[in-house]
């Protein structure tokens, strides 16, 4: 199962992936629409998780891209208030839910 994590800062995405303890899931990261397109070019992701730090227009373009290119990929957007510290628990919750569906 592939999950794509989208965020504003590559270093935060790297830390996030290293903090995730799921062995059943492959994670790809991206910080732009172009990087999302590259990540989408291989295995179709089960889910795309978007951090709140990206500009609204960029997030909307990413969501549009996902929905135009997959009928099965879910999109999840993190809230702004919990900050970058809230990303790990947010992603963990979503991934645990995805694993539970299988």
C-alpha atoms as a PDB file:
ATOM      1  CA  UNK A   1       0.000   0.000   0.000  1.00  0.00           C
ATOM      2  CA  UNK A   2       1.299   3.445  -0.941  1.00  0.00           C
ATOM      3  CA  UNK A   3       0.537   6.673   0.922  1.00  0.00           C
ATOM      4  CA  UNK A   4       1.780  10.009  -0.407  1.00  0.00           C
ATOM      5  CA  UNK A   5       2.555  12.690   2.176  1.00  0.00           C
ATOM      6  CA  UNK A   6       2.457  16.294   0.973  1.00  0.00           C
ATOM      7  CA  UNK A   7       4.040  19.094   2.931  1.00  0.00           C
ATOM      8  CA  UNK A   8       5.790  22.414   2.590  1.00  0.00           C
ATOM      9  CA  UNK A   9       9.226  21.468   3.939  1.00  0.00           C
ATOM     10  CA  UNK A  10      11.162  18.389   2.752  1.00  0.00           C
ATOM     11  CA  UNK A  11      12.986  18.076   6.089  1.00  0.00           C
ATOM     12  CA  UNK A  12       9.686  17.803   7.970  1.00  0.00           C
ATOM     13  CA  UNK A  13       8.483  15.142   5.530  1.00  0.00           C
ATOM     14  CA  UNK A  14      11.686  13.136   6.076  1.00  0.00           C
ATOM     15  CA  UNK A  15      11.300  13.353   9.871  1.00  0.00           C
ATOM     16  CA  UNK A  16       7.662  12.387   9.556  1.00  0.00           C
ATOM     17  CA  UNK A  17       8.400   9.234   7.554  1.00  0.00           C
ATOM     18  CA  UNK A  18      11.144   8.226  10.005  1.00  0.00           C
ATOM     19  CA  UNK A  19       8.633   8.561  12.868  1.00  0.00           C
ATOM     20  CA  UNK A  20       6.057   6.293  11.251  1.00  0.00           C
ATOM     21  CA  UNK A  21       6.248   2.690  12.415  1.00  0.00           C
ATOM     22  CA  UNK A  22       4.074   1.056   9.752  1.00  0.00           C
ATOM     23  CA  UNK A  23       5.796  -1.728   7.819  1.00  0.00           C
ATOM     24  CA  UNK A  24       2.721  -2.533   5.710  1.00  0.00           C
ATOM     25  CA  UNK A  25       2.783   0.914   4.090  1.00  0.00           C
ATOM     26  CA  UNK A  26       5.187   2.521   1.636  1.00  0.00           C
ATOM     27  CA  UNK A  27       5.433   6.280   1.964  1.00  0.00           C
ATOM     28  CA  UNK A  28       6.324   8.780  -0.730  1.00  0.00           C
ATOM     29  CA  UNK A  29       6.711  12.481  -0.031  1.00  0.00           C
ATOM     30  CA  UNK A  30       6.191  15.559  -2.150  1.00  0.00           C
ATOM     31  CA  UNK A  31       6.268  19.320  -1.670  1.00  0.00           C
ATOM     32  CA  UNK A  32       4.743  20.451  -4.971  1.00  0.00           C
ATOM     33  CA  UNK A  33       2.252  19.448  -7.642  1.00  0.00           C
ATOM     34  CA  UNK A  34       5.111  18.386  -9.923  1.00  0.00           C
ATOM     35  CA  UNK A  35       6.512  16.088  -7.234  1.00  0.00           C
ATOM     36  CA  UNK A  36       3.013  14.696  -6.606  1.00  0.00           C
ATOM     37  CA  UNK A  37       2.721  13.850 -10.303  1.00  0.00           C
ATOM     38  CA  UNK A  38       6.027  11.965 -10.145  1.00  0.00           C
ATOM     39  CA  UNK A  39       4.901  10.046  -7.043  1.00  0.00           C
ATOM     40  CA  UNK A  40       1.609   9.232  -8.814  1.00  0.00           C
ATOM     41  CA  UNK A  41       3.386   7.860 -11.886  1.00  0.00           C
ATOM     42  CA  UNK A  42       4.083   4.468 -10.339  1.00  0.00           C
ATOM     43  CA  UNK A  43       1.839   2.528  -7.982  1.00  0.00           C
ATOM     44  CA  UNK A  44      -1.545   4.192  -7.461  1.00  0.00           C
ATOM     45  CA  UNK A  45      -1.652   5.465  -3.861  1.00  0.00           C
ATOM     46  CA  UNK A  46      -4.322   4.384  -1.416  1.00  0.00           C
ATOM     47  CA  UNK A  47      -4.266   7.812   0.150  1.00  0.00           C
ATOM     48  CA  UNK A  48      -2.779  11.290  -0.126  1.00  0.00           C
ATOM     49  CA  UNK A  49      -2.302  13.242   3.095  1.00  0.00           C
ATOM     50  CA  UNK A  50      -1.812  17.002   2.815  1.00  0.00           C
ATOM     51  CA  UNK A  51      -0.275  19.201   5.492  1.00  0.00           C
ATOM     52  CA  UNK A  52      -1.715  22.635   6.230  1.00  0.00           C
ATOM     53  CA  UNK A  53       1.505  24.533   5.539  1.00  0.00           C
ATOM     54  CA  UNK A  54       1.141  24.442   1.769  1.00  0.00           C
ATOM     55  CA  UNK A  55      -0.574  27.438   0.171  1.00  0.00           C
ATOM     56  CA  UNK A  56      -4.301  26.963  -0.353  1.00  0.00           C
ATOM     57  CA  UNK A  57      -4.091  27.193  -4.151  1.00  0.00           C
ATOM     58  CA  UNK A  58      -1.363  24.524  -4.207  1.00  0.00           C
ATOM     59  CA  UNK A  59      -3.466  22.218  -2.013  1.00  0.00           C
ATOM     60  CA  UNK A  60      -6.505  22.723  -4.229  1.00  0.00           C
ATOM     61  CA  UNK A  61      -4.462  21.956  -7.352  1.00  0.00           C
ATOM     62  CA  UNK A  62      -3.129  18.793  -5.695  1.00  0.00           C
ATOM     63  CA  UNK A  63      -6.615  17.651  -4.695  1.00  0.00           C
ATOM     64  CA  UNK A  64      -7.885  18.297  -8.212  1.00  0.00           C
ATOM     65  CA  UNK A  65      -5.002  16.275  -9.660  1.00  0.00           C
ATOM     66  CA  UNK A  66      -5.681  13.309  -7.367  1.00  0.00           C
ATOM     67  CA  UNK A  67      -9.404  13.230  -8.108  1.00  0.00           C
ATOM     68  CA  UNK A  68      -8.827  13.598 -11.856  1.00  0.00           C
ATOM     69  CA  UNK A  69      -6.337  10.714 -11.876  1.00  0.00           C
ATOM     70  CA  UNK A  70      -7.830   8.169  -9.469  1.00  0.00           C
ATOM     71  CA  UNK A  71     -11.247   6.891  -8.543  1.00  0.00           C
ATOM     72  CA  UNK A  72      -9.928   5.058  -5.459  1.00  0.00           C
ATOM     73  CA  UNK A  73      -7.380   7.348  -3.767  1.00  0.00           C
ATOM     74  CA  UNK A  74      -8.612   9.182  -0.681  1.00  0.00           C
ATOM     75  CA  UNK A  75      -7.425  12.685   0.240  1.00  0.00           C
ATOM     76  CA  UNK A  76      -6.962  13.879   3.834  1.00  0.00           C
ATOM     77  CA  UNK A  77      -6.112  17.435   4.891  1.00  0.00           C
ATOM     78  CA  UNK A  78      -4.599  18.309   8.256  1.00  0.00           C
ATOM     79  CA  UNK A  79      -5.819  21.262  10.276  1.00  0.00           C
ATOM     80  CA  UNK A  80      -3.701  24.385  10.707  1.00  0.00           C
ATOM     81  CA  UNK A  81      -3.927  24.792  14.503  1.00  0.00           C
ATOM     82  CA  UNK A  82      -2.083  21.602  15.526  1.00  0.00           C
ATOM     83  CA  UNK A  83       1.040  22.758  13.648  1.00  0.00           C
ATOM     84  CA  UNK A  84       3.782  20.514  12.348  1.00  0.00           C
ATOM     85  CA  UNK A  85       3.752  18.609  15.667  1.00  0.00           C
ATOM     86  CA  UNK A  86       0.232  17.421  14.843  1.00  0.00           C
ATOM     87  CA  UNK A  87       1.226  15.839  11.534  1.00  0.00           C
ATOM     88  CA  UNK A  88       2.616  12.572  12.951  1.00  0.00           C
ATOM     89  CA  UNK A  89      -0.490  11.713  15.033  1.00  0.00           C
ATOM     90  CA  UNK A  90      -2.729  12.760  12.121  1.00  0.00           C
ATOM     91  CA  UNK A  91      -0.911  10.562   9.606  1.00  0.00           C
ATOM     92  CA  UNK A  92      -0.693   7.677  12.068  1.00  0.00           C
ATOM     93  CA  UNK A  93      -4.457   7.746  12.617  1.00  0.00           C
ATOM     94  CA  UNK A  94      -5.194   7.715   8.901  1.00  0.00           C
ATOM     95  CA  UNK A  95      -2.717   4.940   8.149  1.00  0.00           C
ATOM     96  CA  UNK A  96      -4.043   2.795  10.995  1.00  0.00           C
ATOM     97  CA  UNK A  97      -7.521   3.230   9.541  1.00  0.00           C
ATOM     98  CA  UNK A  98      -6.325   2.261   6.060  1.00  0.00           C
ATOM     99  CA  UNK A  99      -4.579  -0.836   7.357  1.00  0.00           C
ATOM    100  CA  UNK A 100      -7.718  -1.794   9.256  1.00  0.00           C
ATOM    101  CA  UNK A 101      -9.704  -1.729   5.995  1.00  0.00           C
ATOM    102  CA  UNK A 102      -7.565  -4.456   4.398  1.00  0.00           C
END
